[in-house]
Amino acid sequence: MTRILAISDTHAKSLSALPKALLTEISDADIVVHCGDYTSMSLLQELKDLAKRFVGVYGNVDTIDIRQEVPKKTAFEIDGKRIGVIHPYWGGASFGIEEAIVKEFHNVDLILFGHTHDAWTDTIDGVTLLNPGQAYSAFMEKATAGIVTVGAKGFEIDIRSF
């Protein structure tokens, strides 16, 4: 079994701005996936240093140095499952982006994506989508993340609040 922690939209200068329980999840996960909008190169570097394995893409508000460090989209395979990662780098309204995101990938089982700050999961055209929400607490909203457990029989998704 492989345990993936999916986070997005950290919008922070340092990991110290994120909940401590989430930092524990980052260090414990087999793979940490960041779905864009770090907004700080130092946070990106801290994630790479803390994670056992790191996969990331840039978001629509990320600076040029971040865009030179991580791609706009990527895909990887774990236990026979293909996983796409994207943040709508083109920005814009969040309404209807799911269909555009699905069109960005071919032959994937799961797409991890950010942008809307709303944690949810759904299936479109046979592809499961997971938006882990925002990885920081704001106003009355808790930080959220997605835990994806991948094994020989498929994958399970759990959305957690911190």
C-alpha atoms as a PDB file:
ATOM      1  CA  MET A   1       0.000   0.000   0.000  1.00  0.00           C
ATOM      2  CA  THR A   2       1.219   3.479  -0.893  1.00  0.00           C
ATOM      3  CA  ARG A   3      -0.040   6.488   1.034  1.00  0.00           C
ATOM      4  CA  ILE A   4      -0.251   9.749  -0.930  1.00  0.00           C
ATOM      5  CA  LEU A   5      -0.923  13.082   0.752  1.00  0.00           C
ATOM      6  CA  ALA A   6      -2.470  15.573  -1.673  1.00  0.00           C
ATOM      7  CA  ILE A   7      -2.395  19.260  -0.752  1.00  0.00           C
ATOM      8  CA  SER A   8      -2.977  22.450  -2.686  1.00  0.00           C
ATOM      9  CA  ASP A   9      -3.283  26.191  -2.423  1.00  0.00           C
ATOM     10  CA  THR A  10      -0.940  26.676   0.513  1.00  0.00           C
ATOM     11  CA  HIS A  11      -0.569  30.413  -0.221  1.00  0.00           C
ATOM     12  CA  ALA A  12       2.156  30.688   2.421  1.00  0.00           C
ATOM     13  CA  LYS A  13       5.780  31.756   2.752  1.00  0.00           C
ATOM     14  CA  SER A  14       6.734  28.777   4.916  1.00  0.00           C
ATOM     15  CA  LEU A  15       5.450  25.397   6.048  1.00  0.00           C
ATOM     16  CA  SER A  16       5.318  26.874   9.563  1.00  0.00           C
ATOM     17  CA  ALA A  17       2.099  28.665   8.477  1.00  0.00           C
ATOM     18  CA  LEU A  18       0.343  25.295   8.045  1.00  0.00           C
ATOM     19  CA  PRO A  19      -1.277  23.303  10.875  1.00  0.00           C
ATOM     20  CA  LYS A  20       1.165  21.139  12.839  1.00  0.00           C
ATOM     21  CA  ALA A  21      -0.952  18.013  12.304  1.00  0.00           C
ATOM     22  CA  LEU A  22      -0.707  18.567   8.550  1.00  0.00           C
ATOM     23  CA  LEU A  23       3.081  18.842   8.800  1.00  0.00           C
ATOM     24  CA  THR A  24       3.098  15.445  10.517  1.00  0.00           C
ATOM     25  CA  GLU A  25       1.044  14.019   7.634  1.00  0.00           C
ATOM     26  CA  ILE A  26       3.548  15.479   5.151  1.00  0.00           C
ATOM     27  CA  SER A  27       6.494  13.793   6.852  1.00  0.00           C
ATOM     28  CA  ASP A  28       4.625  10.473   7.237  1.00  0.00           C
ATOM     29  CA  ALA A  29       3.287  10.135   3.669  1.00  0.00           C
ATOM     30  CA  ASP A  30       5.018   7.942   1.103  1.00  0.00           C
ATOM     31  CA  ILE A  31       4.394  10.613  -1.544  1.00  0.00           C
ATOM     32  CA  VAL A  32       3.430  14.268  -1.083  1.00  0.00           C
ATOM     33  CA  VAL A  33       1.636  15.855  -4.036  1.00  0.00           C
ATOM     34  CA  HIS A  34       1.190  19.627  -4.150  1.00  0.00           C
ATOM     35  CA  CYS A  35      -1.416  20.740  -6.686  1.00  0.00           C
ATOM     36  CA  GLY A  36      -0.171  24.313  -7.147  1.00  0.00           C
ATOM     37  CA  ASP A  37      -0.341  27.821  -5.694  1.00  0.00           C
ATOM     38  CA  TYR A  38       2.546  27.589  -3.265  1.00  0.00           C
ATOM     39  CA  THR A  39       3.162  31.344  -3.700  1.00  0.00           C
ATOM     40  CA  SER A  40       6.634  30.967  -2.162  1.00  0.00           C
ATOM     41  CA  MET A  41       9.767  29.280  -3.460  1.00  0.00           C
ATOM     42  CA  SER A  42      10.891  28.705   0.128  1.00  0.00           C
ATOM     43  CA  LEU A  43       7.714  26.725   0.883  1.00  0.00           C
ATOM     44  CA  LEU A  44       8.299  24.591  -2.222  1.00  0.00           C
ATOM     45  CA  GLN A  45      11.855  23.857  -1.097  1.00  0.00           C
ATOM     46  CA  GLU A  46      10.727  23.032   2.458  1.00  0.00           C
ATOM     47  CA  LEU A  47       8.176  20.568   1.049  1.00  0.00           C
ATOM     48  CA  LYS A  48      10.812  18.888  -1.085  1.00  0.00           C
ATOM     49  CA  ASP A  49      13.094  18.600   1.953  1.00  0.00           C
ATOM     50  CA  LEU A  50      10.390  17.197   4.267  1.00  0.00           C
ATOM     51  CA  ALA A  51       8.663  14.768   1.895  1.00  0.00           C
ATOM     52  CA  LYS A  52       9.976  11.246   1.307  1.00  0.00           C
ATOM     53  CA  ARG A  53       8.944  11.678  -2.344  1.00  0.00           C
ATOM     54  CA  PHE A  54       7.555  14.889  -3.807  1.00  0.00           C
ATOM     55  CA  VAL A  55       5.426  15.547  -6.896  1.00  0.00           C
ATOM     56  CA  GLY A  56       4.240  19.055  -7.681  1.00  0.00           C
ATOM     57  CA  VAL A  57       2.859  21.390 -10.321  1.00  0.00           C
ATOM     58  CA  TYR A  58       2.570  25.151 -10.424  1.00  0.00           C
ATOM     59  CA  GLY A  59      -0.634  27.126 -10.050  1.00  0.00           C
ATOM     60  CA  ASN A  60      -1.997  30.250 -11.654  1.00  0.00           C
ATOM     61  CA  VAL A  61      -0.585  32.601  -8.972  1.00  0.00           C
ATOM     62  CA  ASP A  62       2.866  31.029  -8.698  1.00  0.00           C
ATOM     63  CA  THR A  63       5.902  33.105  -9.625  1.00  0.00           C
ATOM     64  CA  ILE A  64       8.324  32.441 -12.476  1.00  0.00           C
ATOM     65  CA  ASP A  65      10.906  30.807 -10.193  1.00  0.00           C
ATOM     66  CA  ILE A  66       8.322  28.225  -9.084  1.00  0.00           C
ATOM     67  CA  ARG A  67       7.200  27.719 -12.687  1.00  0.00           C
ATOM     68  CA  GLN A  68      10.807  26.929 -13.620  1.00  0.00           C
ATOM     69  CA  GLU A  69      11.044  24.377 -10.790  1.00  0.00           C
ATOM     70  CA  VAL A  70       7.835  22.338 -11.314  1.00  0.00           C
ATOM     71  CA  PRO A  71       5.718  21.635 -14.436  1.00  0.00           C
ATOM     72  CA  LYS A  72       2.208  22.861 -15.248  1.00  0.00           C
ATOM     73  CA  LYS A  73       0.957  19.263 -15.157  1.00  0.00           C
ATOM     74  CA  THR A  74       2.405  15.805 -14.616  1.00  0.00           C
ATOM     75  CA  ALA A  75       1.405  12.169 -14.246  1.00  0.00           C
ATOM     76  CA  PHE A  76       2.885   9.216 -12.412  1.00  0.00           C
ATOM     77  CA  GLU A  77       2.022   5.580 -11.762  1.00  0.00           C
ATOM     78  CA  ILE A  78       1.657   3.726  -8.470  1.00  0.00           C
ATOM     79  CA  ASP A  79       0.642   0.067  -8.245  1.00  0.00           C
ATOM     80  CA  GLY A  80      -0.754   0.113 -11.784  1.00  0.00           C
ATOM     81  CA  LYS A  81      -2.833   3.267 -11.246  1.00  0.00           C
ATOM     82  CA  ARG A  82      -2.046   6.375 -13.329  1.00  0.00           C
ATOM     83  CA  ILE A  83      -2.415   9.634 -11.433  1.00  0.00           C
ATOM     84  CA  GLY A  84      -2.500  13.059 -13.069  1.00  0.00           C
ATOM     85  CA  VAL A  85      -1.679  16.275 -11.218  1.00  0.00           C
ATOM     86  CA  ILE A  86      -2.682  19.759 -12.350  1.00  0.00           C
ATOM     87  CA  HIS A  87      -3.700  23.211 -11.198  1.00  0.00           C
ATOM     88  CA  PRO A  88      -5.625  25.241 -13.754  1.00  0.00           C
ATOM     89  CA  TYR A  89      -2.559  27.289 -14.620  1.00  0.00           C
ATOM     90  CA  TRP A  90      -4.777  29.347 -16.911  1.00  0.00           C
ATOM     91  CA  GLY A  91      -6.703  30.638 -13.840  1.00  0.00           C
ATOM     92  CA  GLY A  92     -10.235  31.903 -14.263  1.00  0.00           C
ATOM     93  CA  ALA A  93     -13.524  31.022 -12.653  1.00  0.00           C
ATOM     94  CA  SER A  94     -13.757  27.709 -10.868  1.00  0.00           C
ATOM     95  CA  PHE A  95     -17.182  26.852 -12.306  1.00  0.00           C
ATOM     96  CA  GLY A  96     -16.890  24.107 -14.909  1.00  0.00           C
ATOM     97  CA  ILE A  97     -13.131  23.578 -14.641  1.00  0.00           C
ATOM     98  CA  GLU A  98     -13.547  19.861 -13.925  1.00  0.00           C
ATOM     99  CA  GLU A  99     -14.346  19.032 -17.553  1.00  0.00           C
ATOM    100  CA  ALA A 100     -11.371  21.093 -18.770  1.00  0.00           C
ATOM    101  CA  ILE A 101      -9.098  19.325 -16.292  1.00  0.00           C
ATOM    102  CA  VAL A 102     -10.233  15.868 -17.414  1.00  0.00           C
ATOM    103  CA  LYS A 103      -9.440  16.828 -21.049  1.00  0.00           C
ATOM    104  CA  GLU A 104      -5.826  17.632 -20.044  1.00  0.00           C
ATOM    105  CA  PHE A 105      -5.032  13.930 -19.414  1.00  0.00           C
ATOM    106  CA  HIS A 106      -5.359  10.635 -21.253  1.00  0.00           C
ATOM    107  CA  ASN A 107      -5.369   7.189 -19.662  1.00  0.00           C
ATOM    108  CA  VAL A 108      -5.403   8.263 -16.011  1.00  0.00           C
ATOM    109  CA  ASP A 109      -7.420   6.742 -13.198  1.00  0.00           C
ATOM    110  CA  LEU A 110      -7.227   9.696 -10.816  1.00  0.00           C
ATOM    111  CA  ILE A 111      -6.600  13.426 -11.185  1.00  0.00           C
ATOM    112  CA  LEU A 112      -5.406  15.515  -8.237  1.00  0.00           C
ATOM    113  CA  PHE A 113      -6.007  19.235  -8.749  1.00  0.00           C
ATOM    114  CA  GLY A 114      -6.283  22.562  -6.950  1.00  0.00           C
ATOM    115  CA  HIS A 115      -7.589  26.096  -7.555  1.00  0.00           C
ATOM    116  CA  THR A 116     -11.069  26.211  -6.016  1.00  0.00           C
ATOM    117  CA  HIS A 117      -9.996  25.796  -2.358  1.00  0.00           C
ATOM    118  CA  ASP A 118     -12.957  23.426  -1.905  1.00  0.00           C
ATOM    119  CA  ALA A 119     -12.144  19.858  -0.902  1.00  0.00           C
ATOM    120  CA  TRP A 120     -14.218  17.313  -2.810  1.00  0.00           C
ATOM    121  CA  THR A 121     -14.066  14.200  -4.918  1.00  0.00           C
ATOM    122  CA  ASP A 122     -16.172  13.054  -7.851  1.00  0.00           C
ATOM    123  CA  THR A 123     -15.989  10.898 -10.974  1.00  0.00           C
ATOM    124  CA  ILE A 124     -16.286  12.305 -14.492  1.00  0.00           C
ATOM    125  CA  ASP A 125     -16.131  10.093 -17.595  1.00  0.00           C
ATOM    126  CA  GLY A 126     -14.715   7.222 -15.512  1.00  0.00           C
ATOM    127  CA  VAL A 127     -11.901   9.341 -14.028  1.00  0.00           C
ATOM    128  CA  THR A 128     -11.879  10.099 -10.317  1.00  0.00           C
ATOM    129  CA  LEU A 129     -11.050  13.692  -9.404  1.00  0.00           C
ATOM    130  CA  LEU A 130      -9.806  14.886  -6.029  1.00  0.00           C
ATOM    131  CA  ASN A 131      -9.410  18.492  -5.023  1.00  0.00           C
ATOM    132  CA  PRO A 132      -7.731  18.490  -1.591  1.00  0.00           C
ATOM    133  CA  GLY A 133      -8.918  22.048  -0.884  1.00  0.00           C
ATOM    134  CA  GLN A 134      -6.708  24.624   0.792  1.00  0.00           C
ATOM    135  CA  ALA A 135      -3.840  23.573   3.052  1.00  0.00           C
ATOM    136  CA  TYR A 136      -4.150  26.587   5.357  1.00  0.00           C
ATOM    137  CA  SER A 137      -6.779  27.671   7.857  1.00  0.00           C
ATOM    138  CA  ALA A 138      -8.573  30.915   7.077  1.00  0.00           C
ATOM    139  CA  PHE A 139     -11.432  32.735   8.774  1.00  0.00           C
ATOM    140  CA  MET A 140     -13.749  29.874   9.797  1.00  0.00           C
ATOM    141  CA  GLU A 141     -12.414  27.372   7.262  1.00  0.00           C
ATOM    142  CA  LYS A 142     -10.105  24.588   8.395  1.00  0.00           C
ATOM    143  CA  ALA A 143      -7.162  23.434   6.334  1.00  0.00           C
ATOM    144  CA  THR A 144      -7.879  20.300   4.305  1.00  0.00           C
ATOM    145  CA  ALA A 145      -5.894  17.613   2.519  1.00  0.00           C
ATOM    146  CA  GLY A 146      -6.607  14.405   0.651  1.00  0.00           C
ATOM    147  CA  ILE A 147      -5.191  11.043   1.648  1.00  0.00           C
ATOM    148  CA  VAL A 148      -5.084   8.548  -1.208  1.00  0.00           C
ATOM    149  CA  THR A 149      -4.224   4.965  -0.327  1.00  0.00           C
ATOM    150  CA  VAL A 150      -3.228   2.997  -3.412  1.00  0.00           C
ATOM    151  CA  GLY A 151      -2.962  -0.782  -3.464  1.00  0.00           C
ATOM    152  CA  ALA A 152      -3.284  -3.749  -5.779  1.00  0.00           C
ATOM    153  CA  LYS A 153      -7.093  -3.545  -5.668  1.00  0.00           C
ATOM    154  CA  GLY A 154      -7.351   0.161  -6.447  1.00  0.00           C
ATOM    155  CA  PHE A 155      -7.384   3.305  -4.363  1.00  0.00           C
ATOM    156  CA  GLU A 156      -9.324   4.844  -1.489  1.00  0.00           C
ATOM    157  CA  ILE A 157      -9.729   8.564  -0.847  1.00  0.00           C
ATOM    158  CA  ASP A 158     -10.148  10.286   2.501  1.00  0.00           C
ATOM    159  CA  ILE A 159     -10.513  14.058   2.825  1.00  0.00           C
ATOM    160  CA  ARG A 160      -9.315  15.344   6.189  1.00  0.00           C
ATOM    161  CA  SER A 161      -9.582  18.665   8.005  1.00  0.00           C
ATOM    162  CA  PHE A 162      -6.801  20.054  10.184  1.00  0.00           C
END
